[in-house]
Amino acid sequence: MCSNVIFQDQNITFLFDFLYKVEKYFTYEIYILTSGYSGKCNFCIPEDKLKAYVKRISKIMNDLSGEFTIEDCESDAYIKIYFENIRELYLSGQIGGSYEDNNLKFKLRADQTILLRLKNKLLYDLQST
């Protein structure tokens, strides 16, 4: 599986691809495909928020409960990852800002591997830039 693929099965693809860093801001291309609908947009995320996301993901992995939201600092686009119960992990959000011509609102069920892959991806990006 490619390093930017955070989750993929027969109906769902979630890509989180690092593009570049300017000062302390990381820019990612986010791509979601679910049930035949897809969308992609760029998220700009401050370095301190990325570090906070890594800590939050670690806590959620240990507790098998909780939630966190990755937010684009330049629009109202977001991705929320949360447990509805100990066995059901969901990914929901909006790709593309609501002011744009096109955006995708989604909710999909994933498995817990999404947490470790996303955490490792963020850690790698923080350490390699």
C-alpha atoms as a PDB file:
ATOM      1  CA  MET A   1       0.000   0.000   0.000  1.00  0.00           C
ATOM      2  CA  CYS A   2       1.351   3.433  -0.945  1.00  0.00           C
ATOM      3  CA  SER A   3       2.456   5.606   2.006  1.00  0.00           C
ATOM      4  CA  ASN A   4      -0.148   8.273   1.271  1.00  0.00           C
ATOM      5  CA  VAL A   5      -3.003   5.720   1.285  1.00  0.00           C
ATOM      6  CA  ILE A   6      -4.435   5.875   4.785  1.00  0.00           C
ATOM      7  CA  PHE A   7      -7.368   3.546   4.128  1.00  0.00           C
ATOM      8  CA  GLN A   8      -8.608   1.561   1.154  1.00  0.00           C
ATOM      9  CA  ASP A   9     -11.113  -1.214   0.573  1.00  0.00           C
ATOM     10  CA  GLN A  10     -13.377  -2.155  -2.338  1.00  0.00           C
ATOM     11  CA  ASN A  11     -15.641   0.919  -1.843  1.00  0.00           C
ATOM     12  CA  ILE A  12     -13.521   3.483   0.000  1.00  0.00           C
ATOM     13  CA  THR A  13     -10.224   5.270  -0.577  1.00  0.00           C
ATOM     14  CA  PHE A  14      -8.706   7.870   1.779  1.00  0.00           C
ATOM     15  CA  LEU A  15      -5.452   9.486   0.622  1.00  0.00           C
ATOM     16  CA  PHE A  16      -3.478  11.984   2.687  1.00  0.00           C
ATOM     17  CA  ASP A  17      -0.595  13.203   0.520  1.00  0.00           C
ATOM     18  CA  PHE A  18       2.046  15.684   1.735  1.00  0.00           C
ATOM     19  CA  LEU A  19       2.685  18.367  -0.901  1.00  0.00           C
ATOM     20  CA  TYR A  20       4.964  20.993   0.661  1.00  0.00           C
ATOM     21  CA  LYS A  21       5.840  23.019   3.747  1.00  0.00           C
ATOM     22  CA  VAL A  22       6.090  26.817   3.983  1.00  0.00           C
ATOM     23  CA  GLU A  23       7.534  28.017   7.272  1.00  0.00           C
ATOM     24  CA  LYS A  24       5.483  26.120   9.893  1.00  0.00           C
ATOM     25  CA  TYR A  25       2.536  25.258   7.645  1.00  0.00           C
ATOM     26  CA  PHE A  26       2.146  21.869   5.970  1.00  0.00           C
ATOM     27  CA  THR A  27      -0.006  21.485   2.866  1.00  0.00           C
ATOM     28  CA  TYR A  28      -1.647  18.158   2.076  1.00  0.00           C
ATOM     29  CA  GLU A  29      -3.808  16.950  -0.757  1.00  0.00           C
ATOM     30  CA  ILE A  30      -6.738  15.012   0.675  1.00  0.00           C
ATOM     31  CA  TYR A  31      -8.694  12.626  -1.517  1.00  0.00           C
ATOM     32  CA  ILE A  32     -11.848  10.722  -0.558  1.00  0.00           C
ATOM     33  CA  LEU A  33     -13.666   8.148  -2.680  1.00  0.00           C
ATOM     34  CA  THR A  34     -16.795   6.529  -1.271  1.00  0.00           C
ATOM     35  CA  SER A  35     -19.730   4.815  -2.953  1.00  0.00           C
ATOM     36  CA  GLY A  36     -18.814   6.208  -6.355  1.00  0.00           C
ATOM     37  CA  TYR A  37     -18.476   9.807  -5.179  1.00  0.00           C
ATOM     38  CA  SER A  38     -15.086  11.434  -4.817  1.00  0.00           C
ATOM     39  CA  GLY A  39     -13.501  14.719  -3.922  1.00  0.00           C
ATOM     40  CA  LYS A  40     -10.106  16.181  -3.263  1.00  0.00           C
ATOM     41  CA  CYS A  41      -8.768  19.430  -1.925  1.00  0.00           C
ATOM     42  CA  ASN A  42      -5.734  20.856  -0.209  1.00  0.00           C
ATOM     43  CA  PHE A  43      -5.549  21.242   3.563  1.00  0.00           C
ATOM     44  CA  CYS A  44      -3.130  23.724   5.120  1.00  0.00           C
ATOM     45  CA  ILE A  45      -2.262  22.661   8.674  1.00  0.00           C
ATOM     46  CA  PRO A  46       0.045  24.415  11.170  1.00  0.00           C
ATOM     47  CA  GLU A  47       2.882  22.333  12.593  1.00  0.00           C
ATOM     48  CA  ASP A  48       1.654  22.652  16.179  1.00  0.00           C
ATOM     49  CA  LYS A  49      -1.753  21.259  15.156  1.00  0.00           C
ATOM     50  CA  LEU A  50      -0.083  18.276  13.455  1.00  0.00           C
ATOM     51  CA  LYS A  51       1.790  17.515  16.673  1.00  0.00           C
ATOM     52  CA  ALA A  52      -1.464  17.771  18.628  1.00  0.00           C
ATOM     53  CA  TYR A  53      -3.161  15.402  16.167  1.00  0.00           C
ATOM     54  CA  VAL A  54      -0.409  12.802  16.712  1.00  0.00           C
ATOM     55  CA  LYS A  55      -0.928  12.966  20.493  1.00  0.00           C
ATOM     56  CA  ARG A  56      -4.698  12.758  20.130  1.00  0.00           C
ATOM     57  CA  ILE A  57      -4.480   9.778  17.777  1.00  0.00           C
ATOM     58  CA  SER A  58      -2.221   7.973  20.279  1.00  0.00           C
ATOM     59  CA  LYS A  59      -4.777   8.513  23.048  1.00  0.00           C
ATOM     60  CA  ILE A  60      -7.657   7.330  20.872  1.00  0.00           C
ATOM     61  CA  MET A  61      -5.691   4.221  19.880  1.00  0.00           C
ATOM     62  CA  ASN A  62      -5.051   3.374  23.531  1.00  0.00           C
ATOM     63  CA  ASP A  63      -8.613   4.069  24.696  1.00  0.00           C
ATOM     64  CA  LEU A  64     -10.432   2.730  21.618  1.00  0.00           C
ATOM     65  CA  SER A  65     -12.779   5.669  22.034  1.00  0.00           C
ATOM     66  CA  GLY A  66     -12.868   9.380  21.321  1.00  0.00           C
ATOM     67  CA  GLU A  67     -12.643  11.622  18.315  1.00  0.00           C
ATOM     68  CA  PHE A  68     -10.546  14.283  16.644  1.00  0.00           C
ATOM     69  CA  THR A  69     -11.007  16.659  13.750  1.00  0.00           C
ATOM     70  CA  ILE A  70      -8.405  17.668  11.179  1.00  0.00           C
ATOM     71  CA  GLU A  71      -9.207  21.168   9.958  1.00  0.00           C
ATOM     72  CA  ASP A  72      -7.977  23.151   7.001  1.00  0.00           C
ATOM     73  CA  CYS A  73      -6.811  26.525   8.321  1.00  0.00           C
ATOM     74  CA  GLU A  74      -7.830  28.278   5.074  1.00  0.00           C
ATOM     75  CA  SER A  75     -11.414  27.021   4.649  1.00  0.00           C
ATOM     76  CA  ASP A  76     -14.176  25.176   6.453  1.00  0.00           C
ATOM     77  CA  ALA A  77     -13.067  21.797   5.069  1.00  0.00           C
ATOM     78  CA  TYR A  78     -12.497  19.154   7.748  1.00  0.00           C
ATOM     79  CA  ILE A  79     -12.131  15.447   8.449  1.00  0.00           C
ATOM     80  CA  LYS A  80     -13.488  13.968  11.674  1.00  0.00           C
ATOM     81  CA  ILE A  81     -12.404  10.514  12.855  1.00  0.00           C
ATOM     82  CA  TYR A  82     -14.368   9.036  15.731  1.00  0.00           C
ATOM     83  CA  PHE A  83     -15.579   5.910  17.470  1.00  0.00           C
ATOM     84  CA  GLU A  84     -19.343   5.461  17.716  1.00  0.00           C
ATOM     85  CA  ASN A  85     -18.599   2.447  19.909  1.00  0.00           C
ATOM     86  CA  ILE A  86     -15.569   0.228  20.529  1.00  0.00           C
ATOM     87  CA  ARG A  87     -16.009  -1.601  17.222  1.00  0.00           C
ATOM     88  CA  GLU A  88     -17.192   1.121  14.875  1.00  0.00           C
ATOM     89  CA  LEU A  89     -14.765   3.775  13.678  1.00  0.00           C
ATOM     90  CA  TYR A  90     -16.063   6.420  11.307  1.00  0.00           C
ATOM     91  CA  LEU A  91     -14.590   9.067   9.073  1.00  0.00           C
ATOM     92  CA  SER A  92     -16.795  12.020   8.168  1.00  0.00           C
ATOM     93  CA  GLY A  93     -16.266  15.517   6.923  1.00  0.00           C
ATOM     94  CA  GLN A  94     -16.273  17.940   4.075  1.00  0.00           C
ATOM     95  CA  ILE A  95     -13.739  18.016   1.270  1.00  0.00           C
ATOM     96  CA  GLY A  96     -13.629  21.450  -0.320  1.00  0.00           C
ATOM     97  CA  GLY A  97     -14.870  24.617   1.291  1.00  0.00           C
ATOM     98  CA  SER A  98     -18.583  25.373   1.380  1.00  0.00           C
ATOM     99  CA  TYR A  99     -17.885  28.555  -0.620  1.00  0.00           C
ATOM    100  CA  GLU A 100     -16.411  26.560  -3.521  1.00  0.00           C
ATOM    101  CA  ASP A 101     -18.408  25.446  -6.558  1.00  0.00           C
ATOM    102  CA  ASN A 102     -17.906  21.790  -5.626  1.00  0.00           C
ATOM    103  CA  ASN A 103     -17.489  20.053  -2.311  1.00  0.00           C
ATOM    104  CA  LEU A 104     -18.118  16.595  -0.903  1.00  0.00           C
ATOM    105  CA  LYS A 105     -19.721  15.848   2.435  1.00  0.00           C
ATOM    106  CA  PHE A 106     -19.234  12.249   3.486  1.00  0.00           C
ATOM    107  CA  LYS A 107     -19.487   9.667   6.241  1.00  0.00           C
ATOM    108  CA  LEU A 108     -17.917   6.262   5.954  1.00  0.00           C
ATOM    109  CA  ARG A 109     -17.068   3.348   8.174  1.00  0.00           C
ATOM    110  CA  ALA A 110     -13.410   2.369   8.422  1.00  0.00           C
ATOM    111  CA  ASP A 111     -11.331   0.097  10.600  1.00  0.00           C
ATOM    112  CA  GLN A 112      -8.802   0.954  13.279  1.00  0.00           C
ATOM    113  CA  THR A 113      -5.817   0.641  10.927  1.00  0.00           C
ATOM    114  CA  ILE A 114      -6.654   4.160   9.784  1.00  0.00           C
ATOM    115  CA  LEU A 115      -5.426   5.514  13.130  1.00  0.00           C
ATOM    116  CA  LEU A 116      -1.961   3.944  13.021  1.00  0.00           C
ATOM    117  CA  ARG A 117      -1.423   4.784   9.341  1.00  0.00           C
ATOM    118  CA  LEU A 118      -2.433   8.418   9.823  1.00  0.00           C
ATOM    119  CA  LYS A 119      -0.300   8.763  12.964  1.00  0.00           C
ATOM    120  CA  ASN A 120       2.752   7.270  11.213  1.00  0.00           C
ATOM    121  CA  LYS A 121       2.199   9.501   8.172  1.00  0.00           C
ATOM    122  CA  LEU A 122       2.035  12.667  10.280  1.00  0.00           C
ATOM    123  CA  LEU A 123       5.082  11.651  12.337  1.00  0.00           C
ATOM    124  CA  TYR A 124       7.065  10.935   9.180  1.00  0.00           C
ATOM    125  CA  ASP A 125       6.145  14.296   7.651  1.00  0.00           C
ATOM    126  CA  LEU A 126       7.010  16.172  10.853  1.00  0.00           C
ATOM    127  CA  GLN A 127      10.405  14.469  11.131  1.00  0.00           C
ATOM    128  CA  SER A 128      11.428  14.601   7.483  1.00  0.00           C
ATOM    129  CA  THR A 129      10.820  18.283   6.769  1.00  0.00           C
END
